Amino acid sequence: MAGIRILGIDPGLAVTGYGLVETDSGRLGYVASGRIRSRSADPLPERLRAILTGLGEVIATFSPVEVAVEKVFVNVNPQSTLMLGQARGAAIAAAVLARLPVAEYTALQVKKAVVGVGHAGKEQVQEMVIRLLKLPGRPSADAADALACAICHAHGGLGIGAMSTRGRRMRKGRIS
């Protein structure tokens, strides 16, 4: 395939999942996926550096042209939400440093785009990612979520398939 390569990111402080897909003439292909781990014993700045440098290496290796990141949900524990937000910030910073456009999607949007149901379980997301990308095995939950985010973007998110609004203004919900 020689289409548009999209990096999907499922941010997490302990484990950040990444997945790359390529879309060409409406066909979707698997490129790579994996996880970036940070050590819980390390101080927060070191953990964030692990995410930033790890994703920087993924970007340098696979040369995506667009990035899709899952948005942070508000957790019961505000401290956990803050920590997740910082991991997400490191992931976005890696894309921005590489001068890549970043699209953001909620977990609900990703699940609806991939499974068809916004409240699908992790296993359902994994199964649909396997089917859509014709994978020979089951990716980890983090990698599957990242691939799902990339698939969501490829299926008409903020970049590919969306109507171009460059040079136009939004007015009362309409493009003029």
Protein backbone atom coordinates (compact mmCIF):
# COMPACT_ATOMS: atom_id res chain seq x y z
CA MET A 1 0.00 0.00 0.00
CA ALA A 2 1.18 3.51 -0.74
CA GLY A 3 -1.54 5.52 0.94
CA ILE A 4 -1.91 7.68 4.00
CA ARG A 5 -0.23 6.32 7.12
CA ILE A 6 -1.95 7.07 10.44
CA LEU A 7 -0.51 6.63 13.91
CA GLY A 8 -3.10 5.91 16.59
CA ILE A 9 -2.16 6.45 20.23
CA ASP A 10 -3.82 5.12 23.38
CA PRO A 11 -2.05 7.17 26.07
CA GLY A 12 -1.28 5.75 29.48
CA LEU A 13 1.34 6.51 32.09
CA ALA A 14 2.33 2.88 32.67
CA VAL A 15 1.63 1.66 29.12
CA THR A 16 1.03 3.75 26.01
CA GLY A 17 -0.30 1.78 23.08
CA TYR A 18 0.47 2.69 19.49
CA GLY A 19 -0.83 1.37 16.20
CA LEU A 20 -0.20 2.31 12.60
CA VAL A 21 -2.55 1.73 9.71
CA GLU A 22 -2.38 2.76 6.10
CA THR A 23 -5.34 3.62 3.96
CA ASP A 24 -5.30 3.55 0.17
CA SER A 25 -8.33 3.83 -2.11
CA GLY A 26 -10.67 2.97 0.75
CA ARG A 27 -8.68 -0.11 1.80
CA LEU A 28 -7.19 -0.37 5.25
CA GLY A 29 -3.90 -2.11 5.98
CA TYR A 30 -1.96 -2.94 9.11
CA VAL A 31 1.55 -1.47 9.44
CA ALA A 32 2.68 -2.00 13.04
CA SER A 33 1.59 -1.83 16.67
CA GLY A 34 3.04 -2.13 20.13
CA ARG A 35 3.41 -0.66 23.58
CA ILE A 36 5.69 1.82 25.25
CA ARG A 37 6.19 1.09 28.93
CA SER A 38 7.44 3.34 31.68
CA ARG A 39 8.66 2.06 35.02
CA SER A 40 6.34 2.85 37.93
CA ALA A 41 9.39 3.23 40.20
CA ASP A 42 10.69 6.13 38.08
CA PRO A 43 9.77 9.74 38.89
CA LEU A 44 7.01 11.29 36.75
CA PRO A 45 9.33 13.36 34.50
CA GLU A 46 11.27 10.20 33.57
CA ARG A 47 8.05 8.34 32.79
CA LEU A 48 6.88 11.18 30.56
CA ARG A 49 10.26 11.22 28.82
CA ALA A 50 9.90 7.48 28.11
CA ILE A 51 6.56 8.16 26.37
CA LEU A 52 7.91 11.15 24.44
CA THR A 53 11.08 9.44 23.24
CA GLY A 54 9.36 6.11 22.59
CA LEU A 55 6.73 7.70 20.37
CA GLY A 56 9.42 9.83 18.74
CA GLU A 57 11.20 6.62 17.73
CA VAL A 58 7.94 5.12 16.41
CA ILE A 59 7.34 8.27 14.33
CA ALA A 60 10.91 8.27 12.99
CA THR A 61 10.73 4.56 12.12
CA PHE A 62 7.29 4.41 10.46
CA SER A 63 6.81 7.98 9.10
CA PRO A 64 3.10 8.53 9.70
CA VAL A 65 1.51 11.62 8.17
CA GLU A 66 -1.36 11.98 10.63
CA VAL A 67 -1.87 11.15 14.30
CA ALA A 68 -5.04 10.21 16.17
CA VAL A 69 -5.04 10.31 19.97
CA GLU A 70 -7.69 9.10 22.37
CA LYS A 71 -9.07 11.83 24.62
CA VAL A 72 -8.86 11.54 28.39
CA PHE A 73 -12.02 10.53 30.19
CA VAL A 74 -12.77 11.94 33.62
CA ASN A 75 -12.00 9.25 36.15
CA VAL A 76 -13.46 8.84 39.64
CA ASN A 77 -9.98 9.56 40.98
CA PRO A 78 -8.90 13.11 40.01
CA GLN A 79 -5.22 12.24 40.59
CA SER A 80 -5.44 9.40 38.05
CA THR A 81 -7.11 11.72 35.55
CA LEU A 82 -4.31 14.26 35.97
CA MET A 83 -1.62 11.61 35.51
CA LEU A 84 -3.34 10.27 32.38
CA GLY A 85 -3.62 13.82 31.05
CA GLN A 86 0.11 14.30 31.47
CA ALA A 87 0.83 11.06 29.59
CA ARG A 88 -1.52 12.25 26.85
CA GLY A 89 0.33 15.57 26.73
CA ALA A 90 3.65 13.75 26.21
CA ALA A 91 2.08 11.73 23.37
CA ILE A 92 0.73 14.85 21.67
CA ALA A 93 4.08 16.59 22.15
CA ALA A 94 5.84 13.76 20.29
CA ALA A 95 3.51 14.28 17.31
CA VAL A 96 3.77 18.07 17.43
CA LEU A 97 7.58 17.94 17.59
CA ALA A 98 7.47 15.87 14.38
CA ARG A 99 5.15 18.54 12.87
CA LEU A 100 2.29 16.06 12.41
CA PRO A 101 -1.39 17.01 12.57
CA VAL A 102 -3.17 15.59 15.62
CA ALA A 103 -6.84 14.58 15.77
CA GLU A 104 -8.51 13.69 19.05
CA TYR A 105 -11.33 11.21 19.64
CA THR A 106 -13.24 10.10 22.71
CA ALA A 107 -13.35 6.40 23.55
CA LEU A 108 -17.06 6.50 22.67
CA GLN A 109 -16.30 7.85 19.17
CA VAL A 110 -13.58 5.25 18.59
CA LYS A 111 -15.74 2.34 19.73
CA LYS A 112 -18.70 3.51 17.66
CA ALA A 113 -16.52 3.86 14.55
CA VAL A 114 -14.88 0.45 14.95
CA VAL A 115 -17.51 -1.74 16.61
CA GLY A 116 -20.68 0.20 15.81
CA VAL A 117 -21.55 0.53 19.51
CA GLY A 118 -20.20 3.33 21.68
CA HIS A 119 -20.15 1.26 24.86
CA ALA A 120 -18.40 -1.81 23.45
CA GLY A 121 -16.03 -3.77 25.65
CA LYS A 122 -12.27 -4.08 25.16
CA GLU A 123 -12.66 -7.62 23.84
CA GLN A 124 -15.14 -6.45 21.19
CA VAL A 125 -12.74 -3.71 20.10
CA GLN A 126 -9.88 -6.22 19.88
CA GLU A 127 -12.00 -8.62 17.83
CA MET A 128 -13.10 -5.94 15.35
CA VAL A 129 -9.53 -4.66 14.98
CA ILE A 130 -8.43 -8.23 14.16
CA ARG A 131 -11.20 -8.56 11.56
CA LEU A 132 -10.83 -5.12 9.98
CA LEU A 133 -7.06 -5.42 9.62
CA LYS A 134 -7.03 -9.20 8.97
CA LEU A 135 -4.50 -9.75 11.74
CA PRO A 136 -3.15 -13.27 12.33
CA GLY A 137 -3.16 -12.82 16.12
CA ARG A 138 -4.63 -10.79 18.95
CA PRO A 139 -2.86 -7.49 19.72
CA SER A 140 -2.56 -6.38 23.35
CA ALA A 141 -5.49 -4.32 24.65
CA ASP A 142 -3.40 -1.12 24.52
CA ALA A 143 -2.21 -1.74 20.96
CA ALA A 144 -5.75 -2.70 19.87
CA ASP A 145 -7.14 0.55 21.32
CA ALA A 146 -4.46 2.53 19.48
CA LEU A 147 -5.20 0.70 16.22
CA ALA A 148 -8.90 1.37 16.78
CA CYS A 149 -8.15 5.07 17.18
CA ALA A 150 -6.25 5.07 13.88
CA ILE A 151 -9.08 3.14 12.18
CA CYS A 152 -11.60 5.67 13.51
CA HIS A 153 -9.56 8.48 11.96
CA ALA A 154 -9.18 6.60 8.68
CA HIS A 155 -12.94 6.07 8.48
CA GLY A 156 -13.65 9.75 8.10
CA GLY A 157 -12.46 11.43 11.24
CA LEU A 158 -11.01 14.89 11.28
CA GLY A 159 -8.56 14.19 8.47
CA ILE A 160 -9.08 11.59 5.78
CA GLY A 161 -12.55 11.61 4.27
CA ALA A 162 -13.61 14.81 6.00
CA MET A 163 -14.68 17.76 3.92
CA SER A 164 -11.89 20.28 3.56
CA THR A 165 -12.66 23.52 5.36
CA ARG A 166 -9.42 25.27 4.52
CA GLY A 167 -10.17 28.85 3.56
CA ARG A 168 -13.75 28.60 4.78
CA ARG A 169 -15.48 29.79 7.94
CA MET A 170 -17.86 27.97 10.24
CA ARG A 171 -21.01 29.98 10.83
CA LYS A 172 -24.00 28.69 12.81
CA GLY A 173 -22.99 25.09 12.22
CA ARG A 174 -22.58 25.56 8.46
CA ILE A 175 -19.51 26.03 6.33
CA SER A 176 -19.55 29.21 4.30
